[in-house]
Amino acid sequence: MEKRLTDKDIYTIYQDILDHRGNNQIIVLSVEGPLTKGLRDFINQSADSILYDLNRDEATTVTLAKSGELDIRFINDLAVATTIIALKDRIEYLERTMAGHIVDENNL
């Protein structure tokens, strides 16, 4: 049986996430447990890799929904996946369009 998080657990995790966010890092939950990743490196991955790392790729989301391990929120998980893919496509388009122009990546 899975342990339910207490309010204190949730607050501690949330504060840790906020602390890492301030350092341009994110925390993702993997099979090994929470992992800290640099935000720039994370977002420079393909959309498929981002969604996989977040366990929000279509195959995982649908599998969890079918197994009963995921509630109705899977609808929004799929919407998030679609949004991330579209945003990554848009970024890649803009980067190709801006090829040859000087761009300061630190301001993106």
C-alpha atoms as a PDB file:
ATOM      1  CA  MET A   1       0.000   0.000   0.000  1.00  0.00           C
ATOM      2  CA  GLU A   2       1.319   3.400  -0.990  1.00  0.00           C
ATOM      3  CA  LYS A   3       2.068   5.908   1.762  1.00  0.00           C
ATOM      4  CA  ARG A   4      -0.064   9.049   1.633  1.00  0.00           C
ATOM      5  CA  LEU A   5       1.786  12.321   2.004  1.00  0.00           C
ATOM      6  CA  THR A   6       1.062  14.467   5.013  1.00  0.00           C
ATOM      7  CA  ASP A   7       0.603  18.217   4.742  1.00  0.00           C
ATOM      8  CA  LYS A   8       4.108  18.588   6.194  1.00  0.00           C
ATOM      9  CA  ASP A   9       5.543  16.237   3.529  1.00  0.00           C
ATOM     10  CA  ILE A  10       3.841  18.225   0.777  1.00  0.00           C
ATOM     11  CA  TYR A  11       5.091  21.531   2.196  1.00  0.00           C
ATOM     12  CA  THR A  12       8.675  20.205   2.464  1.00  0.00           C
ATOM     13  CA  ILE A  13       8.647  18.889  -1.103  1.00  0.00           C
ATOM     14  CA  TYR A  14       7.101  22.110  -2.401  1.00  0.00           C
ATOM     15  CA  GLN A  15       9.723  24.247  -0.652  1.00  0.00           C
ATOM     16  CA  ASP A  16      12.483  22.057  -2.099  1.00  0.00           C
ATOM     17  CA  ILE A  17      11.010  22.490  -5.584  1.00  0.00           C
ATOM     18  CA  LEU A  18      10.856  26.269  -5.114  1.00  0.00           C
ATOM     19  CA  ASP A  19      14.456  26.370  -3.846  1.00  0.00           C
ATOM     20  CA  HIS A  20      15.658  24.468  -6.905  1.00  0.00           C
ATOM     21  CA  ARG A  21      13.545  26.630  -9.226  1.00  0.00           C
ATOM     22  CA  GLY A  22      15.412  29.660  -7.895  1.00  0.00           C
ATOM     23  CA  ASN A  23      18.634  27.973  -9.008  1.00  0.00           C
ATOM     24  CA  ASN A  24      17.263  27.242 -12.513  1.00  0.00           C
ATOM     25  CA  GLN A  25      16.751  23.587 -11.690  1.00  0.00           C
ATOM     26  CA  ILE A  26      13.742  21.322 -11.616  1.00  0.00           C
ATOM     27  CA  ILE A  27      12.971  18.191  -9.660  1.00  0.00           C
ATOM     28  CA  VAL A  28      11.365  15.296 -11.489  1.00  0.00           C
ATOM     29  CA  LEU A  29      10.202  12.021 -10.015  1.00  0.00           C
ATOM     30  CA  SER A  30      11.851   9.002 -11.615  1.00  0.00           C
ATOM     31  CA  VAL A  31      11.847   5.310 -10.763  1.00  0.00           C
ATOM     32  CA  GLU A  32      14.954   6.018  -8.659  1.00  0.00           C
ATOM     33  CA  GLY A  33      13.147   8.777  -6.783  1.00  0.00           C
ATOM     34  CA  PRO A  34      13.399  12.570  -7.092  1.00  0.00           C
ATOM     35  CA  LEU A  35      16.089  13.806  -9.495  1.00  0.00           C
ATOM     36  CA  THR A  36      17.380  17.353  -9.868  1.00  0.00           C
ATOM     37  CA  LYS A  37      17.998  18.540 -13.412  1.00  0.00           C
ATOM     38  CA  GLY A  38      19.272  21.795 -14.845  1.00  0.00           C
ATOM     39  CA  LEU A  39      16.352  23.620 -16.429  1.00  0.00           C
ATOM     40  CA  ARG A  40      18.237  24.772 -19.549  1.00  0.00           C
ATOM     41  CA  ASP A  41      19.486  21.243 -20.279  1.00  0.00           C
ATOM     42  CA  PHE A  42      16.045  19.837 -19.583  1.00  0.00           C
ATOM     43  CA  ILE A  43      14.209  22.160 -21.977  1.00  0.00           C
ATOM     44  CA  ASN A  44      16.850  21.660 -24.670  1.00  0.00           C
ATOM     45  CA  GLN A  45      15.759  18.027 -24.961  1.00  0.00           C
ATOM     46  CA  SER A  46      13.282  16.924 -27.590  1.00  0.00           C
ATOM     47  CA  ALA A  47       9.605  17.158 -26.686  1.00  0.00           C
ATOM     48  CA  ASP A  48       9.436  13.357 -26.501  1.00  0.00           C
ATOM     49  CA  SER A  49      12.323  13.250 -23.995  1.00  0.00           C
ATOM     50  CA  ILE A  50      10.797  15.989 -21.857  1.00  0.00           C
ATOM     51  CA  LEU A  51       7.458  14.197 -21.744  1.00  0.00           C
ATOM     52  CA  TYR A  52       9.141  10.865 -20.996  1.00  0.00           C
ATOM     53  CA  ASP A  53      11.126  12.371 -18.107  1.00  0.00           C
ATOM     54  CA  LEU A  54       7.885  13.855 -16.737  1.00  0.00           C
ATOM     55  CA  ASN A  55       5.980  10.576 -17.243  1.00  0.00           C
ATOM     56  CA  ARG A  56       3.562  12.515 -19.427  1.00  0.00           C
ATOM     57  CA  ASP A  57       4.300  10.912 -22.774  1.00  0.00           C
ATOM     58  CA  GLU A  58       1.193   9.549 -24.448  1.00  0.00           C
ATOM     59  CA  ALA A  59       2.044   5.868 -24.028  1.00  0.00           C
ATOM     60  CA  THR A  60       2.718   6.172 -20.276  1.00  0.00           C
ATOM     61  CA  THR A  61      -0.338   8.352 -19.663  1.00  0.00           C
ATOM     62  CA  VAL A  62      -2.712   6.023 -21.488  1.00  0.00           C
ATOM     63  CA  THR A  63      -1.167   2.924 -19.877  1.00  0.00           C
ATOM     64  CA  LEU A  64      -1.564   4.398 -16.381  1.00  0.00           C
ATOM     65  CA  ALA A  65      -5.147   5.460 -17.138  1.00  0.00           C
ATOM     66  CA  LYS A  66      -6.043   1.953 -18.348  1.00  0.00           C
ATOM     67  CA  SER A  67      -4.439   0.332 -15.299  1.00  0.00           C
ATOM     68  CA  GLY A  68      -6.431   2.485 -12.914  1.00  0.00           C
ATOM     69  CA  GLU A  69      -3.267   4.109 -11.529  1.00  0.00           C
ATOM     70  CA  LEU A  70      -4.301   7.471 -12.906  1.00  0.00           C
ATOM     71  CA  ASP A  71      -7.497   9.380 -12.384  1.00  0.00           C
ATOM     72  CA  ILE A  72      -9.416  11.597 -14.756  1.00  0.00           C
ATOM     73  CA  ARG A  73      -6.514  14.068 -14.716  1.00  0.00           C
ATOM     74  CA  PHE A  74      -5.024  11.999 -17.530  1.00  0.00           C
ATOM     75  CA  ILE A  75      -7.059  14.224 -19.875  1.00  0.00           C
ATOM     76  CA  ASN A  76      -5.061  17.257 -18.780  1.00  0.00           C
ATOM     77  CA  ASP A  77      -1.833  15.225 -18.831  1.00  0.00           C
ATOM     78  CA  LEU A  78      -2.456  14.528 -22.510  1.00  0.00           C
ATOM     79  CA  ALA A  79      -3.282  18.204 -23.080  1.00  0.00           C
ATOM     80  CA  VAL A  80       0.015  19.158 -21.417  1.00  0.00           C
ATOM     81  CA  ALA A  81       1.850  16.717 -23.670  1.00  0.00           C
ATOM     82  CA  THR A  82       0.219  18.175 -26.776  1.00  0.00           C
ATOM     83  CA  THR A  83       1.033  21.706 -25.597  1.00  0.00           C
ATOM     84  CA  ILE A  84       4.694  20.906 -24.926  1.00  0.00           C
ATOM     85  CA  ILE A  85       5.061  19.303 -28.353  1.00  0.00           C
ATOM     86  CA  ALA A  86       3.474  22.346 -30.026  1.00  0.00           C
ATOM     87  CA  LEU A  87       5.659  24.763 -28.049  1.00  0.00           C
ATOM     88  CA  LYS A  88       8.831  22.855 -28.904  1.00  0.00           C
ATOM     89  CA  ASP A  89       7.804  22.840 -32.589  1.00  0.00           C
ATOM     90  CA  ARG A  90       7.218  26.601 -32.414  1.00  0.00           C
ATOM     91  CA  ILE A  91      10.593  27.201 -30.742  1.00  0.00           C
ATOM     92  CA  GLU A  92      12.376  25.132 -33.379  1.00  0.00           C
ATOM     93  CA  TYR A  93      10.568  27.059 -36.131  1.00  0.00           C
ATOM     94  CA  LEU A  94      11.554  30.400 -34.597  1.00  0.00           C
ATOM     95  CA  GLU A  95      15.149  29.272 -34.156  1.00  0.00           C
ATOM     96  CA  ARG A  96      15.322  28.262 -37.830  1.00  0.00           C
ATOM     97  CA  THR A  97      13.711  31.559 -38.839  1.00  0.00           C
ATOM     98  CA  MET A  98      16.206  33.527 -36.791  1.00  0.00           C
ATOM     99  CA  ALA A  99      19.215  31.600 -38.144  1.00  0.00           C
ATOM    100  CA  GLY A 100      21.962  34.045 -38.938  1.00  0.00           C
ATOM    101  CA  HIS A 101      20.743  36.626 -36.438  1.00  0.00           C
ATOM    102  CA  ILE A 102      22.654  37.138 -33.215  1.00  0.00           C
ATOM    103  CA  VAL A 103      20.598  35.893 -30.327  1.00  0.00           C
ATOM    104  CA  ASP A 104      21.561  35.999 -26.659  1.00  0.00           C
ATOM    105  CA  GLU A 105      20.372  32.591 -25.377  1.00  0.00           C
ATOM    106  CA  ASN A 106      20.504  33.843 -21.796  1.00  0.00           C
ATOM    107  CA  ASN A 107      17.524  36.091 -22.535  1.00  0.00           C
ATOM    108  CA  LEU A 108      15.337  33.337 -24.046  1.00  0.00           C
END
